[in-house]
PDB file of N, CA and C in Angstrom:
ATOM      1  N   MET A   1       9.842  -2.451 -30.225  1.00  0.00           N
ATOM      2  CA  MET A   1      10.279  -2.040 -29.254  1.00  0.00           C
ATOM      3  C   MET A   1       9.510  -2.401 -27.807  1.00  0.00           C
ATOM      4  N   LYS A   2       9.977  -2.916 -26.984  1.00  0.00           N
ATOM      5  CA  LYS A   2       8.760  -3.779 -25.969  1.00  0.00           C
ATOM      6  C   LYS A   2       8.056  -2.923 -25.544  1.00  0.00           C
ATOM      7  N   GLU A   3       6.378  -3.099 -25.103  1.00  0.00           N
ATOM      8  CA  GLU A   3       5.602  -1.998 -24.379  1.00  0.00           C
ATOM      9  C   GLU A   3       5.633  -2.383 -22.935  1.00  0.00           C
ATOM     10  N   GLN A   4       5.353  -1.505 -22.352  1.00  0.00           N
ATOM     11  CA  GLN A   4       5.934  -2.078 -20.502  1.00  0.00           C
ATOM     12  C   GLN A   4       4.347  -2.154 -20.134  1.00  0.00           C
ATOM     13  N   GLY A   5       4.588  -3.353 -19.365  1.00  0.00           N
ATOM     14  CA  GLY A   5       3.213  -3.440 -18.492  1.00  0.00           C
ATOM     15  C   GLY A   5       2.711  -2.435 -16.912  1.00  0.00           C
ATOM     16  N   LYS A   6       1.467  -2.654 -16.901  1.00  0.00           N
ATOM     17  CA  LYS A   6       0.279  -1.697 -16.377  1.00  0.00           C
ATOM     18  C   LYS A   6       1.302  -1.667 -14.658  1.00  0.00           C
ATOM     19  N   ARG A   7       1.643  -1.002 -13.883  1.00  0.00           N
ATOM     20  CA  ARG A   7       2.153  -1.184 -12.674  1.00  0.00           C
ATOM     21  C   ARG A   7       0.745  -1.006 -11.519  1.00  0.00           C
ATOM     22  N   ARG A   8       1.579  -2.007 -10.532  1.00  0.00           N
ATOM     23  CA  ARG A   8      -0.515  -3.180  -9.461  1.00  0.00           C
ATOM     24  C   ARG A   8      -0.614  -1.497  -8.628  1.00  0.00           C
ATOM     25  N   GLN A   9      -1.147  -1.581  -8.239  1.00  0.00           N
ATOM     26  CA  GLN A   9      -1.993  -0.736  -7.542  1.00  0.00           C
ATOM     27  C   GLN A   9      -2.953  -1.429  -6.683  1.00  0.00           C
ATOM     28  N   LEU A  10      -3.262  -0.634  -5.349  1.00  0.00           N
ATOM     29  CA  LEU A  10      -3.243  -1.412  -4.001  1.00  0.00           C
ATOM     30  C   LEU A  10      -3.966  -0.101  -3.423  1.00  0.00           C
ATOM     31  N   VAL A  11      -4.973  -0.996  -2.344  1.00  0.00           N
ATOM     32  CA  VAL A  11      -5.396   0.577  -1.669  1.00  0.00           C
ATOM     33  C   VAL A  11      -5.533  -0.157  -0.219  1.00  0.00           C
ATOM     34  N   GLY A  12      -5.044   0.502   0.891  1.00  0.00           N
ATOM     35  CA  GLY A  12      -4.981   0.090   1.881  1.00  0.00           C
ATOM     36  C   GLY A  12      -4.531   1.126   2.705  1.00  0.00           C
ATOM     37  N   THR A  13      -4.124   1.112   4.285  1.00  0.00           N
ATOM     38  CA  THR A  13      -5.226   2.471   5.576  1.00  0.00           C
ATOM     39  C   THR A  13      -3.181   2.216   6.135  1.00  0.00           C
ATOM     40  N   VAL A  14      -3.025   3.958   6.502  1.00  0.00           N
ATOM     41  CA  VAL A  14      -1.550   3.851   6.875  1.00  0.00           C
ATOM     42  C   VAL A  14      -1.872   3.410   8.796  1.00  0.00           C
ATOM     43  N   VAL A  15      -0.661   2.611   8.569  1.00  0.00           N
ATOM     44  CA  VAL A  15      -0.814   2.462   9.988  1.00  0.00           C
ATOM     45  C   VAL A  15       0.290   2.979  10.702  1.00  0.00           C
ATOM     46  N   SER A  16       1.836   3.449   9.719  1.00  0.00           N
ATOM     47  CA  SER A  16       2.756   4.176  10.570  1.00  0.00           C
ATOM     48  C   SER A  16       3.329   5.456   9.857  1.00  0.00           C
ATOM     49  N   ASN A  17       3.811   6.335  10.742  1.00  0.00           N
ATOM     50  CA  ASN A  17       3.902   7.281   9.435  1.00  0.00           C
ATOM     51  C   ASN A  17       5.324   8.018  10.308  1.00  0.00           C
ATOM     52  N   LYS A  18       5.956   7.400  11.331  1.00  0.00           N
ATOM     53  CA  LYS A  18       6.893   7.823  12.359  1.00  0.00           C
ATOM     54  C   LYS A  18       7.887   8.174  11.034  1.00  0.00           C
ATOM     55  N   MET A  19       8.093   7.584   9.726  1.00  0.00           N
ATOM     56  CA  MET A  19       9.609   7.417   9.222  1.00  0.00           C
ATOM     57  C   MET A  19       9.502   9.079   8.425  1.00  0.00           C
ATOM     58  N   ASP A  20      10.579   9.509   8.191  1.00  0.00           N
ATOM     59  CA  ASP A  20      10.357  10.434   6.699  1.00  0.00           C
ATOM     60  C   ASP A  20      10.664  10.727   5.493  1.00  0.00           C
ATOM     61  N   LYS A  21       9.679  10.994   5.059  1.00  0.00           N
ATOM     62  CA  LYS A  21       9.432  10.527   3.686  1.00  0.00           C
ATOM     63  C   LYS A  21       9.107   9.027   3.487  1.00  0.00           C
ATOM     64  N   THR A  22       8.219   8.448   4.349  1.00  0.00           N
ATOM     65  CA  THR A  22       7.403   6.999   4.221  1.00  0.00           C
ATOM     66  C   THR A  22       6.506   6.758   5.065  1.00  0.00           C
ATOM     67  N   ALA A  23       5.340   5.605   4.217  1.00  0.00           N
ATOM     68  CA  ALA A  23       3.851   5.358   5.425  1.00  0.00           C
ATOM     69  C   ALA A  23       4.040   4.407   5.361  1.00  0.00           C
ATOM     70  N   VAL A  24       4.097   3.949   6.394  1.00  0.00           N
ATOM     71  CA  VAL A  24       3.500   2.237   5.965  1.00  0.00           C
ATOM     72  C   VAL A  24       1.629   1.936   5.993  1.00  0.00           C
ATOM     73  N   VAL A  25       1.853   1.027   5.514  1.00  0.00           N
ATOM     74  CA  VAL A  25       0.477   0.748   4.438  1.00  0.00           C
ATOM     75  C   VAL A  25       0.382  -0.492   4.724  1.00  0.00           C
ATOM     76  N   LEU A  26      -0.815  -0.388   5.267  1.00  0.00           N
ATOM     77  CA  LEU A  26      -1.797  -2.013   5.673  1.00  0.00           C
ATOM     78  C   LEU A  26      -2.848  -2.515   4.526  1.00  0.00           C
ATOM     79  N   VAL A  27      -2.722  -3.360   3.958  1.00  0.00           N
ATOM     80  CA  VAL A  27      -3.357  -3.502   2.924  1.00  0.00           C
ATOM     81  C   VAL A  27      -3.910  -5.087   3.232  1.00  0.00           C
ATOM     82  N   GLU A  28      -5.393  -5.380   3.660  1.00  0.00           N
ATOM     83  CA  GLU A  28      -6.188  -6.477   3.461  1.00  0.00           C
ATOM     84  C   GLU A  28      -7.349  -7.181   2.084  1.00  0.00           C
ATOM     85  N   ARG A  29      -7.135  -8.766   2.487  1.00  0.00           N
ATOM     86  CA  ARG A  29      -7.973  -8.896   0.989  1.00  0.00           C
ATOM     87  C   ARG A  29      -8.054 -10.482   2.117  1.00  0.00           C
ATOM     88  N   LEU A  30      -9.385 -10.451   0.894  1.00  0.00           N
ATOM     89  CA  LEU A  30      -9.780 -11.514   1.503  1.00  0.00           C
ATOM     90  C   LEU A  30      -9.553 -12.984   0.129  1.00  0.00           C
ATOM     91  N   VAL A  31      -9.694 -13.928   0.961  1.00  0.00           N
ATOM     92  CA  VAL A  31      -9.535 -15.514   0.236  1.00  0.00           C
ATOM     93  C   VAL A  31      -9.808 -15.990   0.194  1.00  0.00           C
ATOM     94  N   LYS A  32     -10.235 -17.068  -0.856  1.00  0.00           N
ATOM     95  CA  LYS A  32     -11.369 -18.279  -0.355  1.00  0.00           C
ATOM     96  C   LYS A  32      -9.438 -19.705   0.259  1.00  0.00           C
ATOM     97  N   HIS A  33     -10.362 -19.983   0.853  1.00  0.00           N
ATOM     98  CA  HIS A  33      -9.448 -21.329   1.865  1.00  0.00           C
ATOM     99  C   HIS A  33     -10.356 -22.592   0.925  1.00  0.00           C
ATOM    100  N   GLN A  34      -8.585 -22.990   0.267  1.00  0.00           N
ATOM    101  CA  GLN A  34      -9.026 -24.510  -0.584  1.00  0.00           C
ATOM    102  C   GLN A  34      -9.986 -25.242   0.077  1.00  0.00           C
ATOM    103  N   MET A  35      -9.407 -25.720   0.982  1.00  0.00           N
ATOM    104  CA  MET A  35     -10.547 -26.895   1.710  1.00  0.00           C
ATOM    105  C   MET A  35     -11.948 -26.751   2.622  1.00  0.00           C
ATOM    106  N   TYR A  36     -11.644 -25.348   3.429  1.00  0.00           N
ATOM    107  CA  TYR A  36     -12.961 -25.258   3.879  1.00  0.00           C
ATOM    108  C   TYR A  36     -14.357 -24.188   3.694  1.00  0.00           C
ATOM    109  N   HIS A  37     -13.631 -23.838   2.015  1.00  0.00           N
ATOM    110  CA  HIS A  37     -14.223 -22.294   1.703  1.00  0.00           C
ATOM    111  C   HIS A  37     -14.429 -21.741   2.026  1.00  0.00           C
ATOM    112  N   LYS A  38     -14.207 -20.886   2.578  1.00  0.00           N
ATOM    113  CA  LYS A  38     -14.159 -19.741   3.557  1.00  0.00           C
ATOM    114  C   LYS A  38     -13.730 -18.689   3.495  1.00  0.00           C
ATOM    115  N   TYR A  39     -14.100 -17.442   3.394  1.00  0.00           N
ATOM    116  CA  TYR A  39     -12.969 -16.425   2.913  1.00  0.00           C
ATOM    117  C   TYR A  39     -11.940 -16.350   4.675  1.00  0.00           C
ATOM    118  N   VAL A  40     -11.215 -15.841   3.758  1.00  0.00           N
ATOM    119  CA  VAL A  40      -9.552 -15.827   5.482  1.00  0.00           C
ATOM    120  C   VAL A  40      -8.867 -14.981   4.722  1.00  0.00           C
ATOM    121  N   ARG A  41      -9.205 -13.485   5.821  1.00  0.00           N
ATOM    122  CA  ARG A  41      -8.701 -11.967   5.974  1.00  0.00           C
ATOM    123  C   ARG A  41      -7.334 -12.268   5.822  1.00  0.00           C
ATOM    124  N   ARG A  42      -6.608 -11.658   4.842  1.00  0.00           N
ATOM    125  CA  ARG A  42      -5.159 -11.803   4.829  1.00  0.00           C
ATOM    126  C   ARG A  42      -4.624 -10.045   5.152  1.00  0.00           C
ATOM    127  N   ARG A  43      -3.700 -10.311   5.794  1.00  0.00           N
ATOM    128  CA  ARG A  43      -2.652  -8.899   5.304  1.00  0.00           C
ATOM    129  C   ARG A  43      -1.774  -8.116   4.472  1.00  0.00           C
ATOM    130  N   ALA A  44      -1.322  -7.684   3.915  1.00  0.00           N
ATOM    131  CA  ALA A  44       0.157  -7.265   4.426  1.00  0.00           C
ATOM    132  C   ALA A  44       0.659  -5.904   4.323  1.00  0.00           C
ATOM    133  N   LYS A  45       2.120  -4.881   4.894  1.00  0.00           N
ATOM    134  CA  LYS A  45       2.077  -4.381   5.444  1.00  0.00           C
ATOM    135  C   LYS A  45       3.185  -4.201   4.452  1.00  0.00           C
ATOM    136  N   PHE A  46       2.964  -2.724   3.310  1.00  0.00           N
ATOM    137  CA  PHE A  46       4.045  -1.589   2.926  1.00  0.00           C
ATOM    138  C   PHE A  46       4.197  -0.797   3.108  1.00  0.00           C
ATOM    139  N   ALA A  47       6.037  -0.537   2.888  1.00  0.00           N
ATOM    140  CA  ALA A  47       6.335   0.357   2.588  1.00  0.00           C
ATOM    141  C   ALA A  47       6.704   1.319   1.915  1.00  0.00           C
ATOM    142  N   ALA A  48       5.807   2.619   1.822  1.00  0.00           N
ATOM    143  CA  ALA A  48       5.604   3.440   0.282  1.00  0.00           C
ATOM    144  C   ALA A  48       6.138   5.175   0.396  1.00  0.00           C
ATOM    145  N   HIS A  49       6.857   5.571  -0.554  1.00  0.00           N
ATOM    146  CA  HIS A  49       6.987   7.029  -0.005  1.00  0.00           C
ATOM    147  C   HIS A  49       6.343   7.784  -0.482  1.00  0.00           C
ATOM    148  N   ASP A  50       6.741   8.469   0.425  1.00  0.00           N
ATOM    149  CA  ASP A  50       5.327   9.443   0.078  1.00  0.00           C
ATOM    150  C   ASP A  50       6.217  11.009   0.641  1.00  0.00           C
ATOM    151  N   LYS A  51       6.597  11.432  -0.644  1.00  0.00           N
ATOM    152  CA  LYS A  51       7.732  12.361  -0.645  1.00  0.00           C
ATOM    153  C   LYS A  51       7.356  13.862   0.013  1.00  0.00           C
ATOM    154  N   ASP A  52       5.776  14.165   0.287  1.00  0.00           N
ATOM    155  CA  ASP A  52       5.885  15.686   1.222  1.00  0.00           C
ATOM    156  C   ASP A  52       5.086  15.450   2.562  1.00  0.00           C
ATOM    157  N   ASN A  53       5.061  13.796   3.179  1.00  0.00           N
ATOM    158  CA  ASN A  53       5.033  13.620   4.352  1.00  0.00           C
ATOM    159  C   ASN A  53       3.391  14.015   4.627  1.00  0.00           C
ATOM    160  N   ARG A  54       2.417  13.997   3.758  1.00  0.00           N
ATOM    161  CA  ARG A  54       0.732  14.451   3.471  1.00  0.00           C
ATOM    162  C   ARG A  54       0.340  12.950   4.189  1.00  0.00           C
ATOM    163  N   CYS A  55       0.641  11.724   4.234  1.00  0.00           N
ATOM    164  CA  CYS A  55       0.008  10.899   4.805  1.00  0.00           C
ATOM    165  C   CYS A  55      -0.186  10.723   6.730  1.00  0.00           C
ATOM    166  N   GLN A  56      -1.218  10.742   6.788  1.00  0.00           N
ATOM    167  CA  GLN A  56      -1.603  10.794   8.385  1.00  0.00           C
ATOM    168  C   GLN A  56      -2.152   9.237   9.000  1.00  0.00           C
ATOM    169  N   ILE A  57      -2.064   8.855   9.987  1.00  0.00           N
ATOM    170  CA  ILE A  57      -2.127   7.759  10.811  1.00  0.00           C
ATOM    171  C   ILE A  57      -3.792   7.131  10.262  1.00  0.00           C
ATOM    172  N   GLY A  58      -4.338   6.273   9.941  1.00  0.00           N
ATOM    173  CA  GLY A  58      -6.016   5.921   9.349  1.00  0.00           C
ATOM    174  C   GLY A  58      -6.244   6.079   7.965  1.00  0.00           C
ATOM    175  N   ASP A  59      -5.361   7.453   6.927  1.00  0.00           N
ATOM    176  CA  ASP A  59      -5.997   8.189   6.374  1.00  0.00           C
ATOM    177  C   ASP A  59      -5.969   6.518   5.011  1.00  0.00           C
ATOM    178  N   LYS A  60      -7.027   6.257   4.299  1.00  0.00           N
ATOM    179  CA  LYS A  60      -7.226   5.314   3.390  1.00  0.00           C
ATOM    180  C   LYS A  60      -5.847   6.060   1.655  1.00  0.00           C
ATOM    181  N   VAL A  61      -5.382   5.079   1.832  1.00  0.00           N
ATOM    182  CA  VAL A  61      -4.162   5.301   0.739  1.00  0.00           C
ATOM    183  C   VAL A  61      -4.511   4.827  -0.685  1.00  0.00           C
ATOM    184  N   LEU A  62      -3.770   5.077  -1.803  1.00  0.00           N
ATOM    185  CA  LEU A  62      -4.105   4.000  -3.126  1.00  0.00           C
ATOM    186  C   LEU A  62      -2.389   4.797  -3.151  1.00  0.00           C
ATOM    187  N   ILE A  63      -1.387   2.590  -3.592  1.00  0.00           N
ATOM    188  CA  ILE A  63      -0.603   2.273  -3.703  1.00  0.00           C
ATOM    189  C   ILE A  63      -0.153   2.250  -4.603  1.00  0.00           C
ATOM    190  N   THR A  64       1.473   2.601  -5.795  1.00  0.00           N
ATOM    191  CA  THR A  64       1.351   2.134  -6.643  1.00  0.00           C
ATOM    192  C   THR A  64       2.936   1.313  -6.781  1.00  0.00           C
ATOM    193  N   GLU A  65       3.412   0.392  -7.080  1.00  0.00           N
ATOM    194  CA  GLU A  65       4.186  -0.371  -7.477  1.00  0.00           C
ATOM    195  C   GLU A  65       5.352   0.640  -8.333  1.00  0.00           C
ATOM    196  N   THR A  66       6.871   0.445  -8.065  1.00  0.00           N
ATOM    197  CA  THR A  66       7.369   1.107  -8.353  1.00  0.00           C
ATOM    198  C   THR A  66       9.049   0.733  -8.370  1.00  0.00           C
ATOM    199  N   ARG A  67      10.205   0.988  -9.059  1.00  0.00           N
ATOM    200  CA  ARG A  67      11.246   0.658  -8.504  1.00  0.00           C
ATOM    201  C   ARG A  67      11.875   0.661  -7.517  1.00  0.00           C
ATOM    202  N   PRO A  68      12.768   0.130  -7.054  1.00  0.00           N
ATOM    203  CA  PRO A  68      13.650  -0.159  -6.063  1.00  0.00           C
ATOM    204  C   PRO A  68      13.831   1.347  -5.512  1.00  0.00           C
ATOM    205  N   LEU A  69      13.286   1.936  -4.074  1.00  0.00           N
ATOM    206  CA  LEU A  69      13.885   3.282  -3.823  1.00  0.00           C
ATOM    207  C   LEU A  69      14.703   3.468  -2.522  1.00  0.00           C
ATOM    208  N   SER A  70      14.440   2.082  -1.898  1.00  0.00           N
ATOM    209  CA  SER A  70      15.526   1.784  -0.690  1.00  0.00           C
ATOM    210  C   SER A  70      15.245  -0.120  -0.167  1.00  0.00           C
ATOM    211  N   LYS A  71      16.221   0.081   0.881  1.00  0.00           N
ATOM    212  CA  LYS A  71      16.200  -1.055   0.600  1.00  0.00           C
ATOM    213  C   LYS A  71      14.760  -2.074   1.113  1.00  0.00           C
ATOM    214  N   THR A  72      13.534  -1.484   1.535  1.00  0.00           N
ATOM    215  CA  THR A  72      11.820  -1.996   1.709  1.00  0.00           C
ATOM    216  C   THR A  72      11.140  -1.270   1.075  1.00  0.00           C
ATOM    217  N   LYS A  73      11.774  -0.191   0.162  1.00  0.00           N
ATOM    218  CA  LYS A  73      10.516   0.604  -0.222  1.00  0.00           C
ATOM    219  C   LYS A  73      10.500   0.236  -1.734  1.00  0.00           C
ATOM    220  N   ARG A  74       9.180  -0.091  -2.047  1.00  0.00           N
ATOM    221  CA  ARG A  74       8.297  -0.678  -3.507  1.00  0.00           C
ATOM    222  C   ARG A  74       7.826   0.175  -3.929  1.00  0.00           C
ATOM    223  N   TRP A  75       7.231   0.718  -3.262  1.00  0.00           N
ATOM    224  CA  TRP A  75       5.820   1.332  -3.584  1.00  0.00           C
ATOM    225  C   TRP A  75       5.966   3.106  -3.155  1.00  0.00           C
ATOM    226  N   ARG A  76       4.782   3.879  -3.900  1.00  0.00           N
ATOM    227  CA  ARG A  76       4.872   5.595  -3.964  1.00  0.00           C
ATOM    228  C   ARG A  76       3.154   5.319  -3.770  1.00  0.00           C
ATOM    229  N   VAL A  77       2.947   6.090  -2.974  1.00  0.00           N
ATOM    230  CA  VAL A  77       1.493   6.200  -2.394  1.00  0.00           C
ATOM    231  C   VAL A  77       1.418   7.298  -3.470  1.00  0.00           C
ATOM    232  N   SER A  78       0.288   6.785  -4.964  1.00  0.00           N
ATOM    233  CA  SER A  78      -0.541   8.242  -5.610  1.00  0.00           C
ATOM    234  C   SER A  78      -1.254   8.839  -5.017  1.00  0.00           C
ATOM    235  N   GLU A  79      -2.430   8.228  -4.220  1.00  0.00           N
ATOM    236  CA  GLU A  79      -3.658   9.636  -3.993  1.00  0.00           C
ATOM    237  C   GLU A  79      -3.825   8.655  -2.743  1.00  0.00           C
ATOM    238  N   ILE A  80      -3.951  10.511  -2.139  1.00  0.00           N
ATOM    239  CA  ILE A  80      -4.585   9.901  -0.557  1.00  0.00           C
ATOM    240  C   ILE A  80      -6.556   9.868  -0.946  1.00  0.00           C
ATOM    241  N   VAL A  81      -7.203   8.839  -1.090  1.00  0.00           N
ATOM    242  CA  VAL A  81      -8.214   8.210  -1.383  1.00  0.00           C
ATOM    243  C   VAL A  81      -9.252   8.275  -0.133  1.00  0.00           C
ATOM    244  N   GLU A  82      -9.244   8.813   1.134  1.00  0.00           N
ATOM    245  CA  GLU A  82     -10.069   9.329   2.044  1.00  0.00           C
ATOM    246  C   GLU A  82      -9.047   9.423   2.989  1.00  0.00           C
ATOM    247  N   LYS A  83      -9.718  10.944   3.742  1.00  0.00           N
ATOM    248  CA  LYS A  83      -8.618  11.269   5.152  1.00  0.00           C
ATOM    249  C   LYS A  83      -8.994  10.447   6.270  1.00  0.00           C
ATOM    250  N   ALA A  84      -8.391  10.571   7.625  1.00  0.00           N
ATOM    251  CA  ALA A  84      -8.983   9.828   8.346  1.00  0.00           C
ATOM    252  C   ALA A  84      -9.351  10.935   9.490  1.00  0.00           C
ATOM    253  N   VAL A  85     -10.786  10.866  10.193  1.00  0.00           N
ATOM    254  CA  VAL A  85     -10.931  11.786  10.670  1.00  0.00           C
ATOM    255  C   VAL A  85     -11.041  11.526  11.986  1.00  0.00           C
TER     256      VAL A  85
END
């Protein structure tokens, strides 16, 4: 029997919670530019499943990769790391 791999986990900030049971999470990462050797900020938005609608805009959350839940949702909110002030 084949062993299942670890699921990816990312930390990001909630930028929208207008949808029911869904939060849009902005994840930023620093990438070194190949030619200029300068660190460039890359950002990506992920639609994450938030079953209890607990996320508020500005919260820092941990999201985990999961099976496709809808057309755009492939992530699930695992925990709220830090609440918005």
